[in-house]
C-alpha atoms as a PDB file:
ATOM      1  CA  MET A   1      -4.580 -14.451  16.384  1.00  0.00           C
ATOM      2  CA  ILE A   2      -4.089 -14.673  20.114  1.00  0.00           C
ATOM      3  CA  PRO A   3      -2.525 -17.809  21.318  1.00  0.00           C
ATOM      4  CA  LYS A   4      -4.505 -20.048  23.441  1.00  0.00           C
ATOM      5  CA  GLU A   5      -1.576 -19.999  26.021  1.00  0.00           C
ATOM      6  CA  ALA A   6      -1.982 -16.254  26.580  1.00  0.00           C
ATOM      7  CA  ILE A   7      -5.620 -16.600  26.989  1.00  0.00           C
ATOM      8  CA  GLU A   8      -5.074 -19.367  29.583  1.00  0.00           C
ATOM      9  CA  ILE A   9      -2.329 -17.333  31.581  1.00  0.00           C
ATOM     10  CA  ALA A  10      -4.672 -14.161  31.448  1.00  0.00           C
ATOM     11  CA  TYR A  11      -7.628 -16.190  32.598  1.00  0.00           C
ATOM     12  CA  SER A  12      -5.640 -17.920  35.442  1.00  0.00           C
ATOM     13  CA  PHE A  13      -4.323 -14.858  36.715  1.00  0.00           C
ATOM     14  CA  LEU A  14      -7.493 -12.695  36.664  1.00  0.00           C
ATOM     15  CA  HIS A  15      -9.683 -15.409  37.946  1.00  0.00           C
ATOM     16  CA  GLN A  16      -7.614 -15.855  40.964  1.00  0.00           C
ATOM     17  CA  LYS A  17      -7.374 -12.047  41.570  1.00  0.00           C
ATOM     18  CA  ARG A  18     -10.870 -11.390  41.072  1.00  0.00           C
ATOM     19  CA  ASN A  19     -12.050 -14.216  43.389  1.00  0.00           C
ATOM     20  CA  VAL A  20      -9.931 -12.736  46.192  1.00  0.00           C
ATOM     21  CA  TYR A  21     -10.926  -9.146  45.345  1.00  0.00           C
ATOM     22  CA  ILE A  22     -14.503  -9.691  45.687  1.00  0.00           C
ATOM     23  CA  HIS A  23     -14.212 -11.616  48.949  1.00  0.00           C
ATOM     24  CA  SER A  24     -11.779  -9.256  50.624  1.00  0.00           C
ATOM     25  CA  THR A  25     -12.659  -6.979  53.269  1.00  0.00           C
ATOM     26  CA  LEU A  26      -9.427  -5.201  53.391  1.00  0.00           C
ATOM     27  CA  ASP A  27      -8.985  -2.146  51.393  1.00  0.00           C
ATOM     28  CA  TRP A  28      -5.178  -2.457  51.277  1.00  0.00           C
ATOM     29  CA  GLN A  29      -5.566  -5.846  49.830  1.00  0.00           C
ATOM     30  CA  LYS A  30      -8.069  -4.646  47.228  1.00  0.00           C
ATOM     31  CA  ASP A  31      -5.539  -1.752  46.388  1.00  0.00           C
ATOM     32  CA  ASP A  32      -2.793  -4.099  45.932  1.00  0.00           C
ATOM     33  CA  ILE A  33      -4.853  -6.448  43.510  1.00  0.00           C
ATOM     34  CA  GLU A  34      -5.836  -3.260  41.505  1.00  0.00           C
ATOM     35  CA  TYR A  35      -2.106  -2.458  41.338  1.00  0.00           C
ATOM     36  CA  ALA A  36      -0.971  -5.828  40.235  1.00  0.00           C
ATOM     37  CA  ILE A  37      -3.529  -6.048  37.506  1.00  0.00           C
ATOM     38  CA  ALA A  38      -2.852  -2.738  36.262  1.00  0.00           C
ATOM     39  CA  SER A  39       0.714  -3.661  35.891  1.00  0.00           C
ATOM     40  CA  TYR A  40      -0.227  -6.947  34.244  1.00  0.00           C
ATOM     41  CA  VAL A  41      -2.474  -5.026  31.673  1.00  0.00           C
ATOM     42  CA  ASP A  42       0.436  -2.925  30.745  1.00  0.00           C
ATOM     43  CA  GLU A  43       2.395  -5.909  29.695  1.00  0.00           C
ATOM     44  CA  MET A  44      -0.663  -7.636  28.105  1.00  0.00           C
ATOM     45  CA  SER A  45      -0.562  -7.998  24.353  1.00  0.00           C
ATOM     46  CA  ASP A  46      -2.863  -5.141  22.507  1.00  0.00           C
ATOM     47  CA  GLU A  47      -4.807  -7.938  20.734  1.00  0.00           C
ATOM     48  CA  LEU A  48      -5.895  -9.566  23.830  1.00  0.00           C
ATOM     49  CA  LEU A  49      -6.555  -6.370  25.753  1.00  0.00           C
ATOM     50  CA  ARG A  50      -8.844  -5.417  22.985  1.00  0.00           C
ATOM     51  CA  ALA A  51     -10.557  -8.479  22.839  1.00  0.00           C
ATOM     52  CA  ILE A  52     -11.384  -8.328  26.721  1.00  0.00           C
ATOM     53  CA  SER A  53     -12.049  -4.860  27.049  1.00  0.00           C
ATOM     54  CA  ASP A  54     -14.595  -4.017  24.508  1.00  0.00           C
ATOM     55  CA  ASP A  55     -12.672  -0.651  23.873  1.00  0.00           C
ATOM     56  CA  LYS A  56     -13.267   0.597  27.174  1.00  0.00           C
ATOM     57  CA  ALA A  57     -10.665   3.345  27.885  1.00  0.00           C
ATOM     58  CA  ASP A  58      -8.716   2.440  31.143  1.00  0.00           C
ATOM     59  CA  PHE A  59      -9.977  -0.996  31.206  1.00  0.00           C
ATOM     60  CA  LEU A  60      -8.761  -2.704  34.486  1.00  0.00           C
ATOM     61  CA  LYS A  61      -7.186   0.554  35.733  1.00  0.00           C
ATOM     62  CA  ASP A  62     -10.345   2.551  36.799  1.00  0.00           C
ATOM     63  CA  HIS A  63     -10.885   2.104  40.591  1.00  0.00           C
ATOM     64  CA  ALA A  64     -14.552   3.141  40.257  1.00  0.00           C
ATOM     65  CA  ARG A  65     -15.215   0.207  37.939  1.00  0.00           C
ATOM     66  CA  PHE A  66     -12.615  -2.222  38.660  1.00  0.00           C
ATOM     67  CA  GLU A  67     -14.823  -4.948  40.050  1.00  0.00           C
ATOM     68  CA  GLU A  68     -17.001  -4.793  36.894  1.00  0.00           C
ATOM     69  CA  ASP A  69     -14.157  -4.653  34.566  1.00  0.00           C
ATOM     70  CA  ILE A  70     -12.389  -7.839  36.144  1.00  0.00           C
ATOM     71  CA  THR A  71     -15.610  -9.760  36.188  1.00  0.00           C
ATOM     72  CA  SER A  72     -16.416  -8.943  32.571  1.00  0.00           C
ATOM     73  CA  ALA A  73     -12.711  -9.982  31.678  1.00  0.00           C
ATOM     74  CA  VAL A  74     -12.861 -13.189  33.325  1.00  0.00           C
ATOM     75  CA  ASN A  75     -16.330 -14.049  31.682  1.00  0.00           C
ATOM     76  CA  THR A  76     -14.764 -12.855  28.265  1.00  0.00           C
ATOM     77  CA  LEU A  77     -11.659 -15.049  28.718  1.00  0.00           C
ATOM     78  CA  GLU A  78     -13.897 -17.983  29.680  1.00  0.00           C
ATOM     79  CA  ARG A  79     -15.854 -17.585  26.548  1.00  0.00           C
ATOM     80  CA  MET A  80     -12.552 -17.462  24.317  1.00  0.00           C
ATOM     81  CA  LEU A  81     -11.176 -20.663  26.000  1.00  0.00           C
ATOM     82  CA  GLU A  82     -14.563 -22.557  25.279  1.00  0.00           C
ATOM     83  CA  LEU A  83     -13.945 -21.703  21.575  1.00  0.00           C
ATOM     84  CA  LYS A  84     -10.264 -22.691  21.205  1.00  0.00           C
END
């Protein structure tokens, strides 16, 4: 079972970074966000990562689909918080 606190922390971090990312026009800023998220995912519990990734390889680590992944993660975390 994933603690509600872990879901809340992940949601807060990813939601904030996603909002900056989607409105940014600076490539270096987007790259920094992608790096920060990839580092965060490396420390995330396997159970939580599986719950938000839908078993996609390199979830939140693939530059080509980063925006799609982070949006999906935020939406999934929102649904998880509604259930807790």
